[in-house]
Amino acid sequence: MKWIKTFENYNSLEEFNSYVMSYLKNYNLTSNQLNFLVKKYSLDIEKFYNNGGHPFQIVDKISKELNLDSDGYSNIIFPKSTNKLIKYL
């Protein structure tokens, strides 16, 4: 028998954010891009959390606004990765 979760209760906003980030990872975004999106949409995420929404709803909204399904990143400029590499001559 397969169990289906019909109602999920999130204990805190941080837990809700972690679920949002786990759903966003399905779009092959880097960690910098994930953090940037969570910061940019933090007010919307908090509204969804307070209204009892599911994390997938906010991720669906973000993916539609940014055309993430079609790999279109033209609507947003992501921060560049700042990897510091020490080179010896």
N, C-alpha and C. Protein backbone atom coordinates (compact mmCIF):
# COMPACT_ATOMS: atom_id res chain seq x y z
N MET A 1 0.84 -1.18 0.00
CA MET A 1 0.00 0.00 0.00
C MET A 1 0.89 1.23 0.00
N LYS A 2 0.52 2.19 -0.81
CA LYS A 2 1.31 3.40 -0.93
C LYS A 2 0.68 4.49 -0.08
N TRP A 3 1.50 5.13 0.78
CA TRP A 3 1.01 6.20 1.64
C TRP A 3 1.22 7.53 0.94
N ILE A 4 0.20 8.35 0.95
CA ILE A 4 0.27 9.67 0.34
C ILE A 4 0.05 10.71 1.43
N LYS A 5 0.98 11.65 1.52
CA LYS A 5 0.83 12.73 2.48
C LYS A 5 -0.15 13.75 1.91
N THR A 6 -1.23 13.99 2.59
CA THR A 6 -2.20 14.95 2.10
C THR A 6 -2.09 16.29 2.78
N PHE A 7 -1.56 16.33 4.00
CA PHE A 7 -1.43 17.58 4.72
C PHE A 7 -0.08 17.61 5.41
N GLU A 8 0.68 18.64 5.13
CA GLU A 8 1.98 18.77 5.77
C GLU A 8 1.98 20.01 6.62
N ASN A 9 2.55 19.91 7.79
CA ASN A 9 2.66 21.02 8.70
C ASN A 9 4.13 21.36 8.85
N TYR A 10 4.49 22.59 8.61
CA TYR A 10 5.87 23.03 8.72
C TYR A 10 6.03 23.76 10.04
N ASN A 11 7.05 23.37 10.80
CA ASN A 11 7.25 23.90 12.14
C ASN A 11 7.82 25.31 12.15
N SER A 12 8.59 25.66 11.13
CA SER A 12 9.21 26.98 11.12
C SER A 12 9.40 27.45 9.68
N LEU A 13 9.71 28.72 9.56
CA LEU A 13 9.97 29.29 8.25
C LEU A 13 11.25 28.73 7.66
N GLU A 14 12.22 28.41 8.49
CA GLU A 14 13.47 27.83 8.00
C GLU A 14 13.23 26.45 7.37
N GLU A 15 12.36 25.67 8.00
CA GLU A 15 12.03 24.36 7.43
C GLU A 15 11.31 24.53 6.09
N PHE A 16 10.42 25.50 6.01
CA PHE A 16 9.71 25.79 4.77
C PHE A 16 10.71 26.21 3.69
N ASN A 17 11.68 27.07 4.07
CA ASN A 17 12.72 27.51 3.13
C ASN A 17 13.56 26.34 2.64
N SER A 18 13.84 25.40 3.51
CA SER A 18 14.64 24.25 3.09
C SER A 18 13.89 23.39 2.08
N TYR A 19 12.58 23.26 2.25
CA TYR A 19 11.78 22.53 1.27
C TYR A 19 11.73 23.28 -0.06
N VAL A 20 11.63 24.60 0.00
CA VAL A 20 11.64 25.40 -1.23
C VAL A 20 12.96 25.20 -1.96
N MET A 21 14.06 25.23 -1.22
CA MET A 21 15.37 25.04 -1.86
C MET A 21 15.51 23.63 -2.43
N SER A 22 14.96 22.64 -1.74
CA SER A 22 15.06 21.27 -2.27
C SER A 22 14.26 21.12 -3.56
N TYR A 23 13.12 21.80 -3.66
CA TYR A 23 12.35 21.76 -4.91
C TYR A 23 13.06 22.54 -6.01
N LEU A 24 13.72 23.65 -5.66
CA LEU A 24 14.43 24.43 -6.66
C LEU A 24 15.66 23.71 -7.19
N LYS A 25 16.21 22.78 -6.43
CA LYS A 25 17.39 22.03 -6.88
C LYS A 25 17.08 21.18 -8.10
N ASN A 26 15.82 20.88 -8.33
CA ASN A 26 15.44 20.08 -9.50
C ASN A 26 15.66 20.82 -10.81
N TYR A 27 15.89 22.13 -10.75
CA TYR A 27 16.08 22.93 -11.96
C TYR A 27 17.56 23.13 -12.29
N ASN A 28 18.45 22.35 -11.68
CA ASN A 28 19.90 22.40 -11.96
C ASN A 28 20.47 23.80 -11.78
N LEU A 29 20.14 24.42 -10.67
CA LEU A 29 20.70 25.73 -10.33
C LEU A 29 21.89 25.54 -9.40
N THR A 30 22.82 26.46 -9.47
CA THR A 30 23.96 26.40 -8.57
C THR A 30 23.54 26.88 -7.18
N SER A 31 24.40 26.68 -6.21
CA SER A 31 24.07 27.09 -4.85
C SER A 31 23.96 28.60 -4.74
N ASN A 32 24.79 29.34 -5.49
CA ASN A 32 24.68 30.80 -5.49
C ASN A 32 23.34 31.25 -6.06
N GLN A 33 22.91 30.61 -7.12
CA GLN A 33 21.63 30.95 -7.73
C GLN A 33 20.47 30.61 -6.80
N LEU A 34 20.56 29.48 -6.11
CA LEU A 34 19.51 29.11 -5.16
C LEU A 34 19.40 30.12 -4.03
N ASN A 35 20.54 30.48 -3.46
CA ASN A 35 20.53 31.46 -2.37
C ASN A 35 20.00 32.81 -2.83
N PHE A 36 20.37 33.21 -4.04
CA PHE A 36 19.90 34.48 -4.59
C PHE A 36 18.39 34.46 -4.77
N LEU A 37 17.85 33.37 -5.30
CA LEU A 37 16.40 33.28 -5.51
C LEU A 37 15.63 33.27 -4.19
N VAL A 38 16.16 32.57 -3.20
CA VAL A 38 15.48 32.51 -1.90
C VAL A 38 15.48 33.89 -1.25
N LYS A 39 16.59 34.63 -1.39
CA LYS A 39 16.64 35.99 -0.84
C LYS A 39 15.69 36.92 -1.59
N LYS A 40 15.66 36.79 -2.91
CA LYS A 40 14.83 37.68 -3.72
C LYS A 40 13.34 37.45 -3.45
N TYR A 41 12.95 36.19 -3.29
CA TYR A 41 11.55 35.85 -3.09
C TYR A 41 11.22 35.58 -1.63
N SER A 42 12.02 36.12 -0.70
CA SER A 42 11.80 35.83 0.72
C SER A 42 10.45 36.33 1.22
N LEU A 43 9.99 37.48 0.73
CA LEU A 43 8.68 37.99 1.16
C LEU A 43 7.55 37.11 0.65
N ASP A 44 7.67 36.66 -0.60
CA ASP A 44 6.64 35.76 -1.14
C ASP A 44 6.65 34.42 -0.42
N ILE A 45 7.83 33.91 -0.10
CA ILE A 45 7.94 32.65 0.61
C ILE A 45 7.29 32.77 1.98
N GLU A 46 7.53 33.90 2.65
CA GLU A 46 6.94 34.11 3.97
C GLU A 46 5.42 34.21 3.89
N LYS A 47 4.91 34.85 2.84
CA LYS A 47 3.45 34.94 2.66
C LYS A 47 2.84 33.55 2.45
N PHE A 48 3.48 32.74 1.62
CA PHE A 48 2.98 31.38 1.39
C PHE A 48 3.02 30.57 2.68
N TYR A 49 4.07 30.75 3.47
CA TYR A 49 4.19 30.03 4.75
C TYR A 49 3.08 30.45 5.71
N ASN A 50 2.85 31.76 5.81
CA ASN A 50 1.81 32.25 6.74
C ASN A 50 0.40 31.88 6.30
N ASN A 51 0.19 31.73 4.99
CA ASN A 51 -1.13 31.36 4.48
C ASN A 51 -1.34 29.86 4.42
N GLY A 52 -0.35 29.09 4.83
CA GLY A 52 -0.48 27.63 4.84
C GLY A 52 -0.28 26.99 3.48
N GLY A 53 0.46 27.66 2.60
CA GLY A 53 0.71 27.11 1.28
C GLY A 53 1.77 26.03 1.30
N HIS A 54 1.88 25.34 0.19
CA HIS A 54 2.87 24.27 0.03
C HIS A 54 4.09 24.86 -0.68
N PRO A 55 5.29 24.42 -0.33
CA PRO A 55 6.49 24.96 -0.97
C PRO A 55 6.49 24.80 -2.49
N PHE A 56 5.84 23.76 -2.98
CA PHE A 56 5.82 23.56 -4.43
C PHE A 56 5.07 24.69 -5.13
N GLN A 57 4.11 25.32 -4.46
CA GLN A 57 3.36 26.42 -5.06
C GLN A 57 4.26 27.61 -5.34
N ILE A 58 5.10 27.98 -4.39
CA ILE A 58 6.00 29.12 -4.60
C ILE A 58 7.08 28.78 -5.62
N VAL A 59 7.53 27.53 -5.63
CA VAL A 59 8.52 27.12 -6.62
C VAL A 59 7.91 27.15 -8.02
N ASP A 60 6.65 26.76 -8.13
CA ASP A 60 5.95 26.82 -9.41
C ASP A 60 5.83 28.26 -9.88
N LYS A 61 5.54 29.16 -8.96
CA LYS A 61 5.43 30.59 -9.30
C LYS A 61 6.78 31.12 -9.78
N ILE A 62 7.85 30.78 -9.07
CA ILE A 62 9.19 31.23 -9.45
C ILE A 62 9.58 30.67 -10.81
N SER A 63 9.31 29.40 -11.04
CA SER A 63 9.70 28.78 -12.31
C SER A 63 8.93 29.36 -13.48
N LYS A 64 7.67 29.75 -13.25
CA LYS A 64 6.90 30.38 -14.33
C LYS A 64 7.39 31.79 -14.62
N GLU A 65 7.75 32.54 -13.57
CA GLU A 65 8.24 33.90 -13.77
C GLU A 65 9.58 33.93 -14.48
N LEU A 66 10.43 32.95 -14.21
CA LEU A 66 11.78 32.93 -14.77
C LEU A 66 11.94 31.98 -15.94
N ASN A 67 10.88 31.32 -16.34
CA ASN A 67 10.92 30.33 -17.43
C ASN A 67 11.98 29.27 -17.18
N LEU A 68 12.01 28.76 -15.97
CA LEU A 68 13.01 27.75 -15.63
C LEU A 68 12.76 26.41 -16.30
N ASP A 69 11.51 26.14 -16.69
CA ASP A 69 11.22 24.88 -17.35
C ASP A 69 11.87 24.79 -18.72
N SER A 70 12.00 25.94 -19.38
CA SER A 70 12.58 25.95 -20.71
C SER A 70 14.05 26.40 -20.70
N ASP A 71 14.69 26.37 -19.53
CA ASP A 71 16.08 26.79 -19.37
C ASP A 71 16.30 28.23 -19.79
N GLY A 72 15.31 29.08 -19.62
CA GLY A 72 15.46 30.48 -19.98
C GLY A 72 15.77 31.32 -18.76
N TYR A 73 16.99 31.78 -18.65
CA TYR A 73 17.40 32.60 -17.53
C TYR A 73 17.45 34.08 -17.92
N SER A 74 16.74 34.47 -18.96
CA SER A 74 16.86 35.83 -19.48
C SER A 74 16.17 36.87 -18.59
N ASN A 75 15.28 36.46 -17.72
CA ASN A 75 14.54 37.42 -16.92
C ASN A 75 15.28 37.86 -15.66
N ILE A 76 16.39 37.24 -15.35
CA ILE A 76 17.08 37.55 -14.10
C ILE A 76 18.58 37.41 -14.30
N ILE A 77 19.32 38.27 -13.63
CA ILE A 77 20.77 38.20 -13.68
C ILE A 77 21.23 37.60 -12.36
N PHE A 78 21.84 36.43 -12.45
CA PHE A 78 22.32 35.75 -11.26
C PHE A 78 23.70 36.27 -10.88
N PRO A 79 24.04 36.25 -9.60
CA PRO A 79 25.38 36.68 -9.20
C PRO A 79 26.43 35.67 -9.66
N LYS A 80 27.58 36.18 -9.97
CA LYS A 80 28.66 35.30 -10.42
C LYS A 80 29.28 34.61 -9.22
N SER A 81 29.74 33.42 -9.46
CA SER A 81 30.42 32.66 -8.41
C SER A 81 31.76 33.29 -8.13
N THR A 82 32.08 33.42 -6.88
CA THR A 82 33.34 34.04 -6.49
C THR A 82 34.27 32.97 -5.91
N ASN A 83 34.81 32.15 -6.77
CA ASN A 83 35.76 31.14 -6.35
C ASN A 83 37.16 31.75 -6.35
N LYS A 84 37.80 31.70 -5.23
CA LYS A 84 39.14 32.24 -5.13
C LYS A 84 40.12 31.09 -5.31
N LEU A 85 40.93 31.23 -6.30
CA LEU A 85 41.89 30.19 -6.63
C LEU A 85 43.29 30.74 -6.46
N ILE A 86 44.09 30.06 -5.72
CA ILE A 86 45.47 30.48 -5.50
C ILE A 86 46.33 29.79 -6.54
N LYS A 87 47.02 30.59 -7.30
CA LYS A 87 47.90 30.05 -8.35
C LYS A 87 49.34 30.33 -7.97
N TYR A 88 50.13 29.31 -8.08
CA TYR A 88 51.56 29.44 -7.81
C TYR A 88 52.30 29.48 -9.14
N LEU A 89 53.23 30.39 -9.22
CA LEU A 89 54.02 30.52 -10.43
C LEU A 89 55.31 29.75 -10.37
